[in-house]
Amino acid sequence: MCYDKLSPNILIKKMHFNKLALDYIKTFIISIYRKSL
């Protein structure tokens, strides 16, 4: 029961972190791209 409650939260947190990381990488690449222009 406890694992069933915890695992989805961990997955959601991981997904949320991955989304933040992707957004950060995107903005980072865009900033480098703009500087090179």
N, C-alpha and C. Protein backbone atom coordinates (compact mmCIF):
# COMPACT_ATOMS: atom_id res chain seq x y z
N MET A 1 0.83 -1.21 0.00
CA MET A 1 0.00 0.00 0.00
C MET A 1 0.87 1.26 0.00
N CYS A 2 1.86 1.29 0.87
CA CYS A 2 2.72 2.47 0.97
C CYS A 2 3.45 2.71 -0.35
N TYR A 3 3.96 1.61 -0.94
CA TYR A 3 4.70 1.76 -2.19
C TYR A 3 3.79 2.29 -3.30
N ASP A 4 2.55 1.80 -3.32
CA ASP A 4 1.60 2.27 -4.33
C ASP A 4 1.35 3.77 -4.19
N LYS A 5 1.38 4.26 -2.96
CA LYS A 5 1.16 5.69 -2.75
C LYS A 5 2.40 6.50 -3.13
N LEU A 6 3.57 5.96 -2.80
CA LEU A 6 4.81 6.73 -2.99
C LEU A 6 5.29 6.73 -4.44
N SER A 7 5.28 5.58 -5.09
CA SER A 7 5.87 5.49 -6.43
C SER A 7 5.30 6.49 -7.43
N PRO A 8 3.97 6.70 -7.50
CA PRO A 8 3.47 7.71 -8.45
C PRO A 8 4.01 9.10 -8.16
N ASN A 9 4.10 9.47 -6.88
CA ASN A 9 4.63 10.78 -6.53
C ASN A 9 6.07 10.93 -7.01
N ILE A 10 6.86 9.87 -6.83
CA ILE A 10 8.26 9.91 -7.26
C ILE A 10 8.32 10.06 -8.78
N LEU A 11 7.47 9.31 -9.48
CA LEU A 11 7.45 9.40 -10.94
C LEU A 11 7.07 10.80 -11.39
N ILE A 12 6.05 11.37 -10.74
CA ILE A 12 5.60 12.72 -11.10
C ILE A 12 6.73 13.72 -10.86
N LYS A 13 7.42 13.57 -9.72
CA LYS A 13 8.53 14.48 -9.42
C LYS A 13 9.63 14.34 -10.46
N LYS A 14 9.94 13.11 -10.86
CA LYS A 14 10.97 12.88 -11.87
C LYS A 14 10.56 13.51 -13.20
N MET A 15 9.30 13.30 -13.59
CA MET A 15 8.81 13.88 -14.84
C MET A 15 8.87 15.40 -14.79
N HIS A 16 8.46 15.97 -13.65
CA HIS A 16 8.48 17.42 -13.49
C HIS A 16 9.92 17.93 -13.59
N PHE A 17 10.85 17.23 -12.94
CA PHE A 17 12.26 17.63 -12.99
C PHE A 17 12.78 17.54 -14.41
N ASN A 18 12.43 16.47 -15.12
CA ASN A 18 12.88 16.31 -16.50
C ASN A 18 12.35 17.45 -17.37
N LYS A 19 11.09 17.84 -17.13
CA LYS A 19 10.50 18.94 -17.89
C LYS A 19 11.26 20.24 -17.62
N LEU A 20 11.57 20.50 -16.36
CA LEU A 20 12.33 21.70 -16.00
C LEU A 20 13.70 21.66 -16.66
N ALA A 21 14.35 20.51 -16.62
CA ALA A 21 15.67 20.36 -17.22
C ALA A 21 15.61 20.62 -18.72
N LEU A 22 14.61 20.07 -19.39
CA LEU A 22 14.45 20.28 -20.83
C LEU A 22 14.23 21.75 -21.14
N ASP A 23 13.38 22.42 -20.36
CA ASP A 23 13.13 23.85 -20.57
C ASP A 23 14.41 24.64 -20.38
N TYR A 24 15.19 24.30 -19.36
CA TYR A 24 16.45 25.00 -19.09
C TYR A 24 17.43 24.79 -20.23
N ILE A 25 17.53 23.54 -20.72
CA ILE A 25 18.45 23.24 -21.83
C ILE A 25 18.01 23.99 -23.08
N LYS A 26 16.69 24.02 -23.32
CA LYS A 26 16.17 24.74 -24.50
C LYS A 26 16.56 26.21 -24.45
N THR A 27 16.31 26.87 -23.33
CA THR A 27 16.62 28.29 -23.21
C THR A 27 18.12 28.52 -23.34
N PHE A 28 18.91 27.59 -22.78
CA PHE A 28 20.37 27.69 -22.86
C PHE A 28 20.84 27.62 -24.31
N ILE A 29 20.31 26.64 -25.05
CA ILE A 29 20.69 26.48 -26.46
C ILE A 29 20.25 27.70 -27.27
N ILE A 30 19.05 28.20 -27.00
CA ILE A 30 18.54 29.37 -27.73
C ILE A 30 19.43 30.58 -27.47
N SER A 31 19.85 30.76 -26.22
CA SER A 31 20.70 31.91 -25.90
C SER A 31 22.04 31.81 -26.62
N ILE A 32 22.62 30.61 -26.67
CA ILE A 32 23.89 30.41 -27.39
C ILE A 32 23.68 30.68 -28.88
N TYR A 33 22.55 30.19 -29.42
CA TYR A 33 22.26 30.37 -30.84
C TYR A 33 22.13 31.85 -31.18
N ARG A 34 21.46 32.61 -30.31
CA ARG A 34 21.29 34.05 -30.55
C ARG A 34 22.63 34.77 -30.47
N LYS A 35 23.49 34.36 -29.54
CA LYS A 35 24.80 35.00 -29.40
C LYS A 35 25.66 34.76 -30.64
N SER A 36 25.54 33.57 -31.22
CA SER A 36 26.36 33.23 -32.39
C SER A 36 25.90 33.98 -33.63
N LEU A 37 24.66 34.42 -33.67
CA LEU A 37 24.15 35.13 -34.86
C LEU A 37 24.77 36.52 -35.00
